[in-house]
């Protein structure tokens, strides 16, 4: 997902996920590239489903809204918007 989301190469992914070996990362990237259309379609469907469910759950706060209501500094709240959700 890091490659698709951020365009990271194997070394950048390894820096973010040191528990994975470079061999594992290269194998995963190879699989991704061999099945790119299928995997990209699956990720798109999941994103659309997430958006649909989010819209159906009116009144729910986003993570950023929760942090802002907690009184955290604005620069912290803005940085959180760009953190990957795990």
PDB file of N, CA and C in Angstrom:
ATOM      1  N   UNK A   1       0.818  -1.190   0.000  1.00  0.00           N
ATOM      2  CA  UNK A   1       0.000   0.000   0.000  1.00  0.00           C
ATOM      3  C   UNK A   1       0.866   1.260   0.000  1.00  0.00           C
ATOM      4  N   UNK A   2       2.012   1.220   0.675  1.00  0.00           N
ATOM      5  CA  UNK A   2       2.865   2.405   0.705  1.00  0.00           C
ATOM      6  C   UNK A   2       3.341   2.766  -0.690  1.00  0.00           C
ATOM      7  N   UNK A   3       3.646   1.748  -1.498  1.00  0.00           N
ATOM      8  CA  UNK A   3       4.087   2.008  -2.866  1.00  0.00           C
ATOM      9  C   UNK A   3       2.966   2.667  -3.661  1.00  0.00           C
ATOM     10  N   UNK A   4       1.764   2.117  -3.571  1.00  0.00           N
ATOM     11  CA  UNK A   4       0.628   2.653  -4.320  1.00  0.00           C
ATOM     12  C   UNK A   4       0.219   4.029  -3.798  1.00  0.00           C
ATOM     13  N   UNK A   5       0.220   4.193  -2.483  1.00  0.00           N
ATOM     14  CA  UNK A   5      -0.244   5.444  -1.890  1.00  0.00           C
ATOM     15  C   UNK A   5       0.778   6.569  -1.994  1.00  0.00           C
ATOM     16  N   UNK A   6       2.040   6.241  -1.788  1.00  0.00           N
ATOM     17  CA  UNK A   6       3.062   7.277  -1.694  1.00  0.00           C
ATOM     18  C   UNK A   6       4.121   7.203  -2.787  1.00  0.00           C
ATOM     19  N   UNK A   7       4.110   6.137  -3.572  1.00  0.00           N
ATOM     20  CA  UNK A   7       5.131   5.973  -4.591  1.00  0.00           C
ATOM     21  C   UNK A   7       6.486   5.589  -4.029  1.00  0.00           C
ATOM     22  N   UNK A   8       6.503   5.041  -2.815  1.00  0.00           N
ATOM     23  CA  UNK A   8       7.760   4.687  -2.164  1.00  0.00           C
ATOM     24  C   UNK A   8       8.420   3.516  -2.874  1.00  0.00           C
ATOM     25  N   UNK A   9       9.759   3.525  -2.874  1.00  0.00           N
ATOM     26  CA  UNK A   9      10.487   2.372  -3.391  1.00  0.00           C
ATOM     27  C   UNK A   9      10.743   1.401  -2.239  1.00  0.00           C
ATOM     28  N   UNK A  10      11.391   0.273  -2.554  1.00  0.00           N
ATOM     29  CA  UNK A  10      11.589  -0.788  -1.556  1.00  0.00           C
ATOM     30  C   UNK A  10      12.354  -0.298  -0.329  1.00  0.00           C
ATOM     31  N   UNK A  11      13.364   0.528  -0.533  1.00  0.00           N
ATOM     32  CA  UNK A  11      14.154   1.008   0.600  1.00  0.00           C
ATOM     33  C   UNK A  11      13.340   1.925   1.512  1.00  0.00           C
ATOM     34  N   UNK A  12      12.488   2.760   0.927  1.00  0.00           N
ATOM     35  CA  UNK A  12      11.639   3.643   1.738  1.00  0.00           C
ATOM     36  C   UNK A  12      10.604   2.833   2.522  1.00  0.00           C
ATOM     37  N   UNK A  13      10.067   1.814   1.880  1.00  0.00           N
ATOM     38  CA  UNK A  13       9.112   0.944   2.577  1.00  0.00           C
ATOM     39  C   UNK A  13       9.815   0.220   3.718  1.00  0.00           C
ATOM     40  N   UNK A  14      11.043  -0.241   3.463  1.00  0.00           N
ATOM     41  CA  UNK A  14      11.805  -0.949   4.501  1.00  0.00           C
ATOM     42  C   UNK A  14      12.099  -0.027   5.689  1.00  0.00           C
ATOM     43  N   UNK A  15      12.403   1.243   5.420  1.00  0.00           N
ATOM     44  CA  UNK A  15      12.659   2.199   6.500  1.00  0.00           C
ATOM     45  C   UNK A  15      11.412   2.383   7.365  1.00  0.00           C
ATOM     46  N   UNK A  16      10.241   2.350   6.741  1.00  0.00           N
ATOM     47  CA  UNK A  16       8.988   2.521   7.488  1.00  0.00           C
ATOM     48  C   UNK A  16       8.523   1.225   8.143  1.00  0.00           C
ATOM     49  N   UNK A  17       8.989   0.096   7.615  1.00  0.00           N
ATOM     50  CA  UNK A  17       8.569  -1.220   8.109  1.00  0.00           C
ATOM     51  C   UNK A  17       9.797  -2.129   8.259  1.00  0.00           C
ATOM     52  N   UNK A  18      10.670  -1.822   9.213  1.00  0.00           N
ATOM     53  CA  UNK A  18      11.936  -2.563   9.328  1.00  0.00           C
ATOM     54  C   UNK A  18      11.766  -4.044   9.659  1.00  0.00           C
ATOM     55  N   UNK A  19      10.590  -4.452  10.106  1.00  0.00           N
ATOM     56  CA  UNK A  19      10.358  -5.868  10.405  1.00  0.00           C
ATOM     57  C   UNK A  19      10.231  -6.695   9.125  1.00  0.00           C
ATOM     58  N   UNK A  20      10.063  -6.035   7.983  1.00  0.00           N
ATOM     59  CA  UNK A  20      10.014  -6.731   6.693  1.00  0.00           C
ATOM     60  C   UNK A  20      11.398  -6.723   6.059  1.00  0.00           C
ATOM     61  N   UNK A  21      11.800  -7.846   5.480  1.00  0.00           N
ATOM     62  CA  UNK A  21      13.083  -7.880   4.775  1.00  0.00           C
ATOM     63  C   UNK A  21      12.908  -7.233   3.399  1.00  0.00           C
ATOM     64  N   UNK A  22      14.020  -6.793   2.823  1.00  0.00           N
ATOM     65  CA  UNK A  22      13.950  -6.240   1.476  1.00  0.00           C
ATOM     66  C   UNK A  22      13.445  -7.292   0.486  1.00  0.00           C
ATOM     67  N   UNK A  23      13.808  -8.551   0.715  1.00  0.00           N
ATOM     68  CA  UNK A  23      13.333  -9.623  -0.166  1.00  0.00           C
ATOM     69  C   UNK A  23      11.802  -9.727  -0.103  1.00  0.00           C
ATOM     70  N   UNK A  24      11.235  -9.622   1.093  1.00  0.00           N
ATOM     71  CA  UNK A  24       9.776  -9.675   1.230  1.00  0.00           C
ATOM     72  C   UNK A  24       9.126  -8.494   0.512  1.00  0.00           C
ATOM     73  N   UNK A  25       9.718  -7.331   0.659  1.00  0.00           N
ATOM     74  CA  UNK A  25       9.165  -6.126   0.036  1.00  0.00           C
ATOM     75  C   UNK A  25       9.241  -6.235  -1.480  1.00  0.00           C
ATOM     76  N   UNK A  26      10.384  -6.689  -2.003  1.00  0.00           N
ATOM     77  CA  UNK A  26      10.520  -6.843  -3.454  1.00  0.00           C
ATOM     78  C   UNK A  26       9.529  -7.890  -3.981  1.00  0.00           C
ATOM     79  N   UNK A  27       9.312  -8.959  -3.228  1.00  0.00           N
ATOM     80  CA  UNK A  27       8.344  -9.976  -3.640  1.00  0.00           C
ATOM     81  C   UNK A  27       6.935  -9.387  -3.684  1.00  0.00           C
ATOM     82  N   UNK A  28       6.601  -8.598  -2.686  1.00  0.00           N
ATOM     83  CA  UNK A  28       5.278  -7.972  -2.648  1.00  0.00           C
ATOM     84  C   UNK A  28       5.111  -6.977  -3.795  1.00  0.00           C
ATOM     85  N   UNK A  29       6.150  -6.181  -4.070  1.00  0.00           N
ATOM     86  CA  UNK A  29       6.077  -5.227  -5.176  1.00  0.00           C
ATOM     87  C   UNK A  29       5.963  -5.948  -6.517  1.00  0.00           C
ATOM     88  N   UNK A  30       6.667  -7.051  -6.656  1.00  0.00           N
ATOM     89  CA  UNK A  30       6.579  -7.843  -7.876  1.00  0.00           C
ATOM     90  C   UNK A  30       5.163  -8.376  -8.069  1.00  0.00           C
ATOM     91  N   UNK A  31       4.581  -8.899  -7.004  1.00  0.00           N
ATOM     92  CA  UNK A  31       3.205  -9.400  -7.060  1.00  0.00           C
ATOM     93  C   UNK A  31       2.253  -8.262  -7.427  1.00  0.00           C
ATOM     94  N   UNK A  32       2.458  -7.100  -6.805  1.00  0.00           N
ATOM     95  CA  UNK A  32       1.609  -5.945  -7.093  1.00  0.00           C
ATOM     96  C   UNK A  32       1.676  -5.584  -8.577  1.00  0.00           C
ATOM     97  N   UNK A  33       2.888  -5.505  -9.111  1.00  0.00           N
ATOM     98  CA  UNK A  33       3.024  -5.113 -10.515  1.00  0.00           C
ATOM     99  C   UNK A  33       2.456  -6.170 -11.462  1.00  0.00           C
ATOM    100  N   UNK A  34       2.554  -7.446 -11.090  1.00  0.00           N
ATOM    101  CA  UNK A  34       1.988  -8.508 -11.913  1.00  0.00           C
ATOM    102  C   UNK A  34       0.460  -8.510 -11.889  1.00  0.00           C
ATOM    103  N   UNK A  35      -0.138  -7.945 -10.825  1.00  0.00           N
ATOM    104  CA  UNK A  35      -1.600  -7.950 -10.651  1.00  0.00           C
ATOM    105  C   UNK A  35      -2.139  -6.526 -10.435  1.00  0.00           C
ATOM    106  N   UNK A  36      -1.450  -5.554 -10.998  1.00  0.00           N
ATOM    107  CA  UNK A  36      -1.745  -4.138 -10.736  1.00  0.00           C
ATOM    108  C   UNK A  36      -3.209  -3.782 -11.005  1.00  0.00           C
ATOM    109  N   UNK A  37      -3.736  -4.158 -12.150  1.00  0.00           N
ATOM    110  CA  UNK A  37      -5.121  -3.805 -12.480  1.00  0.00           C
ATOM    111  C   UNK A  37      -6.113  -4.341 -11.472  1.00  0.00           C
ATOM    112  N   UNK A  38      -5.940  -5.595 -11.119  1.00  0.00           N
ATOM    113  CA  UNK A  38      -6.839  -6.229 -10.155  1.00  0.00           C
ATOM    114  C   UNK A  38      -6.724  -5.582  -8.772  1.00  0.00           C
ATOM    115  N   UNK A  39      -5.491  -5.355  -8.313  1.00  0.00           N
ATOM    116  CA  UNK A  39      -5.281  -4.783  -6.985  1.00  0.00           C
ATOM    117  C   UNK A  39      -5.714  -3.323  -6.924  1.00  0.00           C
ATOM    118  N   UNK A  40      -5.421  -2.554  -7.968  1.00  0.00           N
ATOM    119  CA  UNK A  40      -5.865  -1.162  -7.993  1.00  0.00           C
ATOM    120  C   UNK A  40      -7.391  -1.083  -7.992  1.00  0.00           C
ATOM    121  N   UNK A  41      -8.034  -1.995  -8.733  1.00  0.00           N
ATOM    122  CA  UNK A  41      -9.492  -2.031  -8.733  1.00  0.00           C
ATOM    123  C   UNK A  41     -10.045  -2.365  -7.359  1.00  0.00           C
ATOM    124  N   UNK A  42      -9.403  -3.313  -6.680  1.00  0.00           N
ATOM    125  CA  UNK A  42      -9.844  -3.691  -5.334  1.00  0.00           C
ATOM    126  C   UNK A  42      -9.679  -2.521  -4.373  1.00  0.00           C
ATOM    127  N   UNK A  43      -8.540  -1.824  -4.444  1.00  0.00           N
ATOM    128  CA  UNK A  43      -8.322  -0.667  -3.564  1.00  0.00           C
ATOM    129  C   UNK A  43      -9.345   0.420  -3.855  1.00  0.00           C
ATOM    130  N   UNK A  44      -9.674   0.640  -5.134  1.00  0.00           N
ATOM    131  CA  UNK A  44     -10.665   1.653  -5.498  1.00  0.00           C
ATOM    132  C   UNK A  44     -12.041   1.284  -4.952  1.00  0.00           C
ATOM    133  N   UNK A  45     -12.427   0.016  -5.059  1.00  0.00           N
ATOM    134  CA  UNK A  45     -13.724  -0.430  -4.522  1.00  0.00           C
ATOM    135  C   UNK A  45     -13.774  -0.256  -2.998  1.00  0.00           C
ATOM    136  N   UNK A  46     -12.668  -0.570  -2.325  1.00  0.00           N
ATOM    137  CA  UNK A  46     -12.631  -0.402  -0.870  1.00  0.00           C
ATOM    138  C   UNK A  46     -12.749   1.066  -0.489  1.00  0.00           C
ATOM    139  N   UNK A  47     -12.083   1.939  -1.244  1.00  0.00           N
ATOM    140  CA  UNK A  47     -12.167   3.371  -0.969  1.00  0.00           C
ATOM    141  C   UNK A  47     -13.589   3.879  -1.195  1.00  0.00           C
ATOM    142  N   UNK A  48     -14.208   3.452  -2.280  1.00  0.00           N
ATOM    143  CA  UNK A  48     -15.593   3.855  -2.549  1.00  0.00           C
ATOM    144  C   UNK A  48     -16.531   3.338  -1.463  1.00  0.00           C
ATOM    145  N   UNK A  49     -16.336   2.113  -1.003  1.00  0.00           N
ATOM    146  CA  UNK A  49     -17.155   1.549   0.064  1.00  0.00           C
ATOM    147  C   UNK A  49     -16.952   2.334   1.358  1.00  0.00           C
ATOM    148  N   UNK A  50     -15.710   2.686   1.650  1.00  0.00           N
ATOM    149  CA  UNK A  50     -15.422   3.485   2.842  1.00  0.00           C
ATOM    150  C   UNK A  50     -16.149   4.824   2.766  1.00  0.00           C
ATOM    151  N   UNK A  51     -16.061   5.477   1.618  1.00  0.00           N
ATOM    152  CA  UNK A  51     -16.729   6.775   1.458  1.00  0.00           C
ATOM    153  C   UNK A  51     -18.242   6.640   1.596  1.00  0.00           C
ATOM    154  N   UNK A  52     -18.813   5.580   1.019  1.00  0.00           N
ATOM    155  CA  UNK A  52     -20.251   5.360   1.119  1.00  0.00           C
ATOM    156  C   UNK A  52     -20.665   5.171   2.577  1.00  0.00           C
ATOM    157  N   UNK A  53     -19.922   4.314   3.293  1.00  0.00           N
ATOM    158  CA  UNK A  53     -20.244   4.076   4.699  1.00  0.00           C
ATOM    159  C   UNK A  53     -20.069   5.341   5.529  1.00  0.00           C
ATOM    160  N   UNK A  54     -19.042   6.109   5.206  1.00  0.00           N
ATOM    161  CA  UNK A  54     -18.792   7.363   5.930  1.00  0.00           C
ATOM    162  C   UNK A  54     -19.960   8.328   5.730  1.00  0.00           C
ATOM    163  N   UNK A  55     -20.452   8.412   4.509  1.00  0.00           N
ATOM    164  CA  UNK A  55     -21.583   9.299   4.228  1.00  0.00           C
ATOM    165  C   UNK A  55     -22.859   8.830   4.915  1.00  0.00           C
ATOM    166  N   UNK A  56     -23.019   7.528   5.040  1.00  0.00           N
ATOM    167  CA  UNK A  56     -24.204   6.969   5.707  1.00  0.00           C
ATOM    168  C   UNK A  56     -24.159   7.183   7.217  1.00  0.00           C
ATOM    169  N   UNK A  57     -22.986   7.379   7.756  1.00  0.00           N
ATOM    170  CA  UNK A  57     -22.828   7.561   9.202  1.00  0.00           C
ATOM    171  C   UNK A  57     -22.751   9.049   9.518  1.00  0.00           C
ATOM    172  N   UNK A  58     -23.809   9.767   9.175  1.00  0.00           N
ATOM    173  CA  UNK A  58     -23.813  11.207   9.404  1.00  0.00           C
ATOM    174  C   UNK A  58     -23.658  11.508  10.887  1.00  0.00           C
ATOM    175  N   UNK A  59     -22.997  12.583  11.161  1.00  0.00           N
ATOM    176  CA  UNK A  59     -22.764  12.985  12.544  1.00  0.00           C
ATOM    177  C   UNK A  59     -21.494  12.405  13.142  1.00  0.00           C
ATOM    178  N   UNK A  60     -20.814  11.522  12.418  1.00  0.00           N
ATOM    179  CA  UNK A  60     -19.565  10.953  12.907  1.00  0.00           C
ATOM    180  C   UNK A  60     -18.437  11.958  12.691  1.00  0.00           C
ATOM    181  N   UNK A  61     -17.567  12.083  13.660  1.00  0.00           N
ATOM    182  CA  UNK A  61     -16.432  12.993  13.545  1.00  0.00           C
ATOM    183  C   UNK A  61     -15.252  12.286  12.897  1.00  0.00           C
ATOM    184  N   UNK A  62     -14.471  13.043  12.138  1.00  0.00           N
ATOM    185  CA  UNK A  62     -13.236  12.500  11.582  1.00  0.00           C
ATOM    186  C   UNK A  62     -12.164  12.535  12.659  1.00  0.00           C
ATOM    187  N   UNK A  63     -11.059  11.842  12.415  1.00  0.00           N
ATOM    188  CA  UNK A  63      -9.944  11.850  13.363  1.00  0.00           C
ATOM    189  C   UNK A  63      -9.451  13.277  13.592  1.00  0.00           C
ATOM    190  N   UNK A  64      -9.363  14.061  12.530  1.00  0.00           N
ATOM    191  CA  UNK A  64      -8.891  15.441  12.644  1.00  0.00           C
ATOM    192  C   UNK A  64      -9.857  16.272  13.481  1.00  0.00           C
ATOM    193  N   UNK A  65     -11.169  16.075  13.285  1.00  0.00           N
ATOM    194  CA  UNK A  65     -12.162  16.810  14.069  1.00  0.00           C
ATOM    195  C   UNK A  65     -12.090  16.447  15.547  1.00  0.00           C
ATOM    196  N   UNK A  66     -11.861  15.174  15.838  1.00  0.00           N
ATOM    197  CA  UNK A  66     -11.734  14.730  17.228  1.00  0.00           C
ATOM    198  C   UNK A  66     -10.522  15.387  17.881  1.00  0.00           C
ATOM    199  N   UNK A  67      -9.395  15.400  17.177  1.00  0.00           N
ATOM    200  CA  UNK A  67      -8.181  16.015  17.726  1.00  0.00           C
ATOM    201  C   UNK A  67      -8.371  17.514  17.927  1.00  0.00           C
ATOM    202  N   UNK A  68      -9.037  18.156  16.984  1.00  0.00           N
ATOM    203  CA  UNK A  68      -9.280  19.594  17.118  1.00  0.00           C
ATOM    204  C   UNK A  68     -10.172  19.882  18.321  1.00  0.00           C
ATOM    205  N   UNK A  69     -11.216  19.063  18.521  1.00  0.00           N
ATOM    206  CA  UNK A  69     -12.100  19.245  19.674  1.00  0.00           C
ATOM    207  C   UNK A  69     -11.383  18.975  20.988  1.00  0.00           C
ATOM    208  N   UNK A  70     -10.321  18.161  20.931  1.00  0.00           N
ATOM    209  CA  UNK A  70      -9.541  17.864  22.135  1.00  0.00           C
ATOM    210  C   UNK A  70      -8.648  19.029  22.516  1.00  0.00           C
ATOM    211  N   UNK A  71      -8.610  20.060  21.662  1.00  0.00           N
ATOM    212  CA  UNK A  71      -7.838  21.246  21.980  1.00  0.00           C
ATOM    213  C   UNK A  71      -6.370  21.138  21.619  1.00  0.00           C
ATOM    214  N   UNK A  72      -6.027  20.222  20.739  1.00  0.00           N
ATOM    215  CA  UNK A  72      -4.632  20.096  20.326  1.00  0.00           C
ATOM    216  C   UNK A  72      -4.262  21.252  19.409  1.00  0.00           C
ATOM    217  N   UNK A  73      -2.986  21.652  19.395  1.00  0.00           N
ATOM    218  CA  UNK A  73      -2.570  22.779  18.550  1.00  0.00           C
ATOM    219  C   UNK A  73      -2.883  22.517  17.079  1.00  0.00           C
ATOM    220  N   UNK A  74      -3.228  23.572  16.357  1.00  0.00           N
ATOM    221  CA  UNK A  74      -3.610  23.455  14.955  1.00  0.00           C
ATOM    222  C   UNK A  74      -2.545  22.816  14.084  1.00  0.00           C
ATOM    223  N   UNK A  75      -1.263  23.127  14.337  1.00  0.00           N
ATOM    224  CA  UNK A  75      -0.221  22.546  13.487  1.00  0.00           C
ATOM    225  C   UNK A  75      -0.146  21.037  13.686  1.00  0.00           C
ATOM    226  N   UNK A  76      -0.419  20.562  14.901  1.00  0.00           N
ATOM    227  CA  UNK A  76      -0.430  19.118  15.157  1.00  0.00           C
ATOM    228  C   UNK A  76      -1.597  18.470  14.424  1.00  0.00           C
ATOM    229  N   UNK A  77      -2.770  19.086  14.519  1.00  0.00           N
ATOM    230  CA  UNK A  77      -3.959  18.555  13.866  1.00  0.00           C
ATOM    231  C   UNK A  77      -3.730  18.502  12.359  1.00  0.00           C
ATOM    232  N   UNK A  78      -3.126  19.522  11.773  1.00  0.00           N
ATOM    233  CA  UNK A  78      -2.870  19.534  10.330  1.00  0.00           C
ATOM    234  C   UNK A  78      -1.898  18.438   9.928  1.00  0.00           C
ATOM    235  N   UNK A  79      -0.885  18.159  10.746  1.00  0.00           N
ATOM    236  CA  UNK A  79       0.066  17.098  10.427  1.00  0.00           C
ATOM    237  C   UNK A  79      -0.598  15.727  10.479  1.00  0.00           C
ATOM    238  N   UNK A  80      -1.542  15.525  11.374  1.00  0.00           N
ATOM    239  CA  UNK A  80      -2.202  14.234  11.526  1.00  0.00           C
ATOM    240  C   UNK A  80      -2.997  13.886  10.272  1.00  0.00           C
ATOM    241  N   UNK A  81      -3.494  14.881   9.561  1.00  0.00           N
ATOM    242  CA  UNK A  81      -4.274  14.627   8.349  1.00  0.00           C
ATOM    243  C   UNK A  81      -3.492  13.803   7.339  1.00  0.00           C
ATOM    244  N   UNK A  82      -2.175  13.916   7.363  1.00  0.00           N
ATOM    245  CA  UNK A  82      -1.354  13.276   6.345  1.00  0.00           C
ATOM    246  C   UNK A  82      -0.691  11.997   6.828  1.00  0.00           C
ATOM    247  N   UNK A  83      -1.020  11.543   8.031  1.00  0.00           N
ATOM    248  CA  UNK A  83      -0.470  10.293   8.520  1.00  0.00           C
ATOM    249  C   UNK A  83      -1.294   9.132   7.988  1.00  0.00           C
ATOM    250  N   UNK A  84      -0.620   8.052   7.585  1.00  0.00           N
ATOM    251  CA  UNK A  84      -1.389   6.892   7.111  1.00  0.00           C
ATOM    252  C   UNK A  84      -2.149   6.245   8.258  1.00  0.00           C
ATOM    253  N   UNK A  85      -3.332   5.766   7.960  1.00  0.00           N
ATOM    254  CA  UNK A  85      -4.129   5.060   8.953  1.00  0.00           C
ATOM    255  C   UNK A  85      -3.727   3.589   8.913  1.00  0.00           C
ATOM    256  N   UNK A  86      -3.408   3.017  10.036  1.00  0.00           N
ATOM    257  CA  UNK A  86      -2.993   1.615  10.092  1.00  0.00           C
ATOM    258  C   UNK A  86      -3.933   0.859  10.982  1.00  0.00           C
TER     259      UNK A  86
END
